[in-house]
């Protein structure tokens, strides 16, 4: 009997070791593949250091994104997202659900790193009250892995979101960690009163007091990522402060 128990323990231990090793190897494989894909994709974003433009958020170099090349690689491309003081600088994709791009790369290959993707209920061509974008928090800081930086910095943070038809700026007004839920993921509201209650709630939740005014005439951009083995979420909300059409 003791010999059987020992054999079982050894078998279970070896199984755990093999499974863990497989998990680590897959993580490195997916991470390497993700970086190779993004290296190519990010070459489609051009920054002209010789041109400075005046924006409400200050002076900055002019950037151009070749959406024709991006959509050729992936027709699901709807925009490009950049968050100041983080490593977030990625194309945004969208499909018919919020599951596919949790486990598929920009090139639609199975990859646990996933992609940065827009909620299927939103439309960047017709901005709603709350536009939601998701991404994994990778331990190497990729995807939304550096979104947590916002929770440790009281300075003003600007999010840039570009589409084939416009460039926009969003100013962060709320950032917090919360247990897994769906309240902050609402995209539609019955009336201005319900929307104002939503604004008051997410303002109250913020771990940082940002010097940003919010009213129910403002549009919100919400970034959401996982934390602590999926049991919690890091959430960042920003309001639209500038939108410029691309001729």
Protein backbone atom coordinates (compact mmCIF):
# COMPACT_ATOMS: atom_id res chain seq x y z
CA UNK A 1 0.00 0.00 0.00
CA UNK A 2 2.79 2.42 0.93
CA UNK A 3 4.56 1.60 -2.33
CA UNK A 4 1.40 2.36 -4.30
CA UNK A 5 0.98 5.71 -2.52
CA UNK A 6 4.62 6.60 -3.20
CA UNK A 7 4.19 5.68 -6.87
CA UNK A 8 1.08 7.83 -7.09
CA UNK A 9 2.83 10.78 -5.44
CA UNK A 10 5.78 10.50 -7.82
CA UNK A 11 3.42 10.25 -10.81
CA UNK A 12 1.44 13.34 -9.74
CA UNK A 13 4.62 15.28 -9.03
CA UNK A 14 6.05 14.47 -12.45
CA UNK A 15 2.74 15.38 -14.09
CA UNK A 16 2.75 18.78 -12.35
CA UNK A 17 6.39 19.42 -13.32
CA UNK A 18 5.78 18.48 -16.96
CA UNK A 19 2.61 20.59 -17.14
CA UNK A 20 4.38 23.58 -15.55
CA UNK A 21 7.34 23.25 -17.90
CA UNK A 22 4.99 23.06 -20.88
CA UNK A 23 3.22 26.21 -19.66
CA UNK A 24 6.50 28.12 -19.32
CA UNK A 25 7.69 27.01 -22.77
CA UNK A 26 4.38 28.00 -24.35
CA UNK A 27 4.53 31.41 -22.66
CA UNK A 28 7.99 32.06 -24.10
CA UNK A 29 6.94 30.80 -27.52
CA UNK A 30 3.83 33.01 -27.60
CA UNK A 31 5.79 36.01 -26.30
CA UNK A 32 8.50 35.61 -28.92
CA UNK A 33 5.91 35.27 -31.69
CA UNK A 34 4.00 38.29 -30.39
CA UNK A 35 7.12 40.47 -30.40
CA UNK A 36 8.01 39.43 -33.94
CA UNK A 37 4.50 40.26 -35.16
CA UNK A 38 4.40 43.62 -33.39
CA UNK A 39 7.84 44.60 -34.65
CA UNK A 40 6.45 44.38 -38.17
CA UNK A 41 3.14 46.00 -37.29
CA UNK A 42 4.72 48.94 -35.49
CA UNK A 43 6.74 49.74 -38.60
CA UNK A 44 3.45 50.97 -40.04
CA UNK A 45 3.46 53.89 -37.60
CA UNK A 46 5.63 56.79 -38.67
CA UNK A 47 6.69 59.67 -36.43
CA UNK A 48 7.99 62.81 -38.12
CA UNK A 49 10.44 64.41 -35.69
CA UNK A 50 10.69 67.47 -37.94
CA UNK A 51 7.02 68.43 -37.56
CA UNK A 52 5.56 69.71 -34.31
CA UNK A 53 1.81 70.19 -34.00
CA UNK A 54 -0.11 72.20 -31.43
CA UNK A 55 -2.73 70.22 -29.52
CA UNK A 56 -4.78 70.87 -26.41
CA UNK A 57 -2.42 68.54 -24.59
CA UNK A 58 0.68 70.43 -25.75
CA UNK A 59 3.19 70.31 -28.63
CA UNK A 60 4.07 66.95 -30.09
CA UNK A 61 5.63 65.35 -33.13
CA UNK A 62 3.32 64.47 -35.98
CA UNK A 63 2.63 60.75 -36.36
CA UNK A 64 1.16 58.87 -39.29
CA UNK A 65 -0.35 55.40 -39.25
CA UNK A 66 -0.60 53.44 -42.47
CA UNK A 67 -4.01 51.86 -41.97
CA UNK A 68 -4.01 50.52 -45.53
CA UNK A 69 -1.09 48.21 -44.62
CA UNK A 70 -2.65 47.31 -41.27
CA UNK A 71 -6.01 46.35 -42.76
CA UNK A 72 -4.20 44.36 -45.44
CA UNK A 73 -2.60 42.32 -42.65
CA UNK A 74 -5.88 42.12 -40.71
CA UNK A 75 -9.22 43.45 -41.98
CA UNK A 76 -10.44 43.61 -38.34
CA UNK A 77 -8.18 46.64 -37.69
CA UNK A 78 -10.21 49.63 -36.47
CA UNK A 79 -7.66 51.93 -34.86
CA UNK A 80 -4.39 52.52 -33.01
CA UNK A 81 -3.98 53.14 -29.26
CA UNK A 82 -1.13 54.90 -27.44
CA UNK A 83 -1.08 55.65 -23.69
CA UNK A 84 1.40 58.16 -22.27
CA UNK A 85 3.80 56.94 -19.55
CA UNK A 86 3.19 53.29 -20.46
CA UNK A 87 4.45 50.84 -23.08
CA UNK A 88 1.01 50.71 -24.72
CA UNK A 89 1.34 51.51 -28.44
CA UNK A 90 -0.68 49.00 -30.45
CA UNK A 91 -3.21 48.56 -33.24
CA UNK A 92 -6.81 47.92 -32.16
CA UNK A 93 -8.87 45.11 -33.67
CA UNK A 94 -12.55 44.22 -33.37
CA UNK A 95 -14.68 41.19 -34.19
CA UNK A 96 -18.18 39.89 -33.42
CA UNK A 97 -17.44 38.86 -29.83
CA UNK A 98 -15.11 39.63 -26.91
CA UNK A 99 -13.51 36.18 -26.85
CA UNK A 100 -11.64 35.60 -30.10
CA UNK A 101 -8.83 38.13 -29.60
CA UNK A 102 -8.21 37.00 -26.03
CA UNK A 103 -6.33 34.07 -27.56
CA UNK A 104 -5.38 35.21 -31.06
CA UNK A 105 -2.62 37.49 -32.28
CA UNK A 106 -2.99 40.39 -34.69
CA UNK A 107 -2.33 37.92 -37.50
CA UNK A 108 -5.14 35.69 -36.19
CA UNK A 109 -2.83 32.95 -34.99
CA UNK A 110 -3.57 31.20 -31.70
CA UNK A 111 -1.52 33.01 -29.07
CA UNK A 112 -2.16 33.49 -25.35
CA UNK A 113 -0.82 37.06 -25.56
CA UNK A 114 -3.96 37.91 -27.53
CA UNK A 115 -4.47 41.37 -29.03
CA UNK A 116 -5.69 44.81 -28.03
CA UNK A 117 -9.35 44.77 -29.04
CA UNK A 118 -12.46 46.93 -29.06
CA UNK A 119 -15.67 45.74 -27.42
CA UNK A 120 -17.93 44.26 -30.12
CA UNK A 121 -20.76 46.61 -29.05
CA UNK A 122 -18.76 49.76 -29.80
CA UNK A 123 -18.18 51.62 -33.06
CA UNK A 124 -15.23 54.00 -33.40
CA UNK A 125 -16.95 55.70 -36.33
CA UNK A 126 -19.86 56.63 -34.06
CA UNK A 127 -18.38 57.17 -30.60
CA UNK A 128 -20.71 56.07 -27.80
CA UNK A 129 -20.91 57.30 -24.22
CA UNK A 130 -18.51 54.57 -23.10
CA UNK A 131 -16.04 52.96 -25.51
CA UNK A 132 -14.30 49.88 -24.06
CA UNK A 133 -10.94 48.41 -25.08
CA UNK A 134 -9.42 45.22 -23.64
CA UNK A 135 -5.97 43.64 -23.47
CA UNK A 136 -4.04 41.10 -21.40
CA UNK A 137 -1.61 42.29 -18.72
CA UNK A 138 1.48 40.32 -19.74
CA UNK A 139 4.13 39.86 -17.07
CA UNK A 140 6.81 41.20 -19.42
CA UNK A 141 4.88 44.49 -19.61
CA UNK A 142 3.56 43.96 -23.14
CA UNK A 143 -0.05 44.50 -24.26
CA UNK A 144 -1.78 46.13 -21.24
CA UNK A 145 0.95 44.94 -18.87
CA UNK A 146 2.08 48.51 -18.18
CA UNK A 147 -1.43 49.94 -17.64
CA UNK A 148 -0.78 49.60 -13.92
CA UNK A 149 1.73 52.48 -14.24
CA UNK A 150 -1.25 54.85 -14.19
CA UNK A 151 -2.10 53.75 -10.64
CA UNK A 152 1.31 54.87 -9.41
CA UNK A 153 1.51 58.27 -11.05
CA UNK A 154 -0.59 61.33 -10.22
CA UNK A 155 0.56 63.26 -13.28
CA UNK A 156 -1.76 64.02 -16.18
CA UNK A 157 -2.02 61.16 -18.65
CA UNK A 158 -3.19 61.47 -22.25
CA UNK A 159 -4.41 58.59 -24.40
CA UNK A 160 -4.18 58.89 -28.17
CA UNK A 161 -6.62 56.95 -30.32
CA UNK A 162 -6.43 57.11 -34.11
CA UNK A 163 -8.62 55.65 -36.81
CA UNK A 164 -8.43 55.91 -40.61
CA UNK A 165 -10.68 59.00 -40.41
CA UNK A 166 -9.60 60.89 -37.28
CA UNK A 167 -7.07 61.37 -34.48
CA UNK A 168 -8.33 61.85 -30.94
CA UNK A 169 -7.00 62.65 -27.46
CA UNK A 170 -8.47 61.42 -24.19
CA UNK A 171 -7.56 62.63 -20.70
CA UNK A 172 -7.55 60.09 -17.86
CA UNK A 173 -9.86 60.98 -14.95
CA UNK A 174 -10.22 57.68 -13.07
CA UNK A 175 -8.02 54.61 -12.43
CA UNK A 176 -8.52 51.74 -10.02
CA UNK A 177 -8.31 48.01 -9.29
CA UNK A 178 -11.54 46.14 -8.69
CA UNK A 179 -12.84 42.59 -8.40
CA UNK A 180 -14.05 41.03 -11.65
CA UNK A 181 -17.41 42.57 -12.64
CA UNK A 182 -19.23 44.09 -15.62
CA UNK A 183 -20.63 47.38 -14.29
CA UNK A 184 -17.91 49.60 -15.77
CA UNK A 185 -18.29 47.86 -19.14
CA UNK A 186 -21.66 49.45 -19.92
CA UNK A 187 -21.71 51.09 -23.34
CA UNK A 188 -25.34 52.31 -23.48
CA UNK A 189 -27.37 54.33 -20.97
CA UNK A 190 -31.11 54.93 -20.67
CA UNK A 191 -30.77 58.69 -20.17
CA UNK A 192 -28.43 61.44 -18.95
CA UNK A 193 -29.34 60.72 -15.33
CA UNK A 194 -28.23 57.08 -15.51
CA UNK A 195 -25.07 58.16 -17.33
CA UNK A 196 -24.31 60.73 -14.64
CA UNK A 197 -24.71 58.07 -11.95
CA UNK A 198 -22.24 55.93 -13.87
CA UNK A 199 -19.76 58.83 -14.03
CA UNK A 200 -20.16 59.55 -10.29
CA UNK A 201 -19.55 55.88 -9.49
CA UNK A 202 -16.35 55.49 -11.51
CA UNK A 203 -15.07 58.84 -10.20
CA UNK A 204 -15.66 57.62 -6.65
CA UNK A 205 -13.74 54.43 -7.39
CA UNK A 206 -10.58 56.16 -8.59
CA UNK A 207 -7.48 55.51 -6.49
CA UNK A 208 -6.01 58.82 -7.67
CA UNK A 209 -7.55 62.26 -7.56
CA UNK A 210 -7.13 63.58 -11.11
CA UNK A 211 -7.71 67.26 -11.80
CA UNK A 212 -10.21 66.60 -14.58
CA UNK A 213 -13.82 67.75 -14.76
CA UNK A 214 -16.45 65.28 -15.96
CA UNK A 215 -20.08 65.83 -16.99
CA UNK A 216 -22.71 63.73 -18.75
CA UNK A 217 -21.98 65.47 -22.07
CA UNK A 218 -18.50 63.93 -22.14
CA UNK A 219 -17.59 60.69 -23.88
CA UNK A 220 -15.59 58.04 -22.02
CA UNK A 221 -12.84 55.67 -23.14
CA UNK A 222 -12.38 52.68 -20.83
CA UNK A 223 -9.31 50.43 -20.79
CA UNK A 224 -9.63 47.12 -18.97
CA UNK A 225 -7.09 44.41 -18.17
CA UNK A 226 -6.70 41.45 -15.82
CA UNK A 227 -4.79 41.32 -12.51
CA UNK A 228 -4.03 38.64 -9.91
CA UNK A 229 -4.78 35.54 -12.00
CA UNK A 230 -7.97 37.03 -13.48
CA UNK A 231 -9.67 37.63 -10.11
CA UNK A 232 -9.29 41.41 -10.36
CA UNK A 233 -9.25 44.05 -13.05
CA UNK A 234 -7.22 47.22 -13.57
CA UNK A 235 -9.52 49.85 -15.07
CA UNK A 236 -8.68 53.25 -16.55
CA UNK A 237 -11.25 55.80 -17.73
CA UNK A 238 -10.51 58.85 -19.90
CA UNK A 239 -12.66 61.59 -21.42
CA UNK A 240 -12.55 62.83 -24.99
CA UNK A 241 -10.82 66.23 -25.14
CA UNK A 242 -9.87 66.51 -28.79
CA UNK A 243 -10.91 65.01 -32.10
CA UNK A 244 -9.43 65.99 -35.46
CA UNK A 245 -10.58 64.66 -38.80
CA UNK A 246 -7.99 63.32 -41.24
CA UNK A 247 -8.38 64.80 -44.69
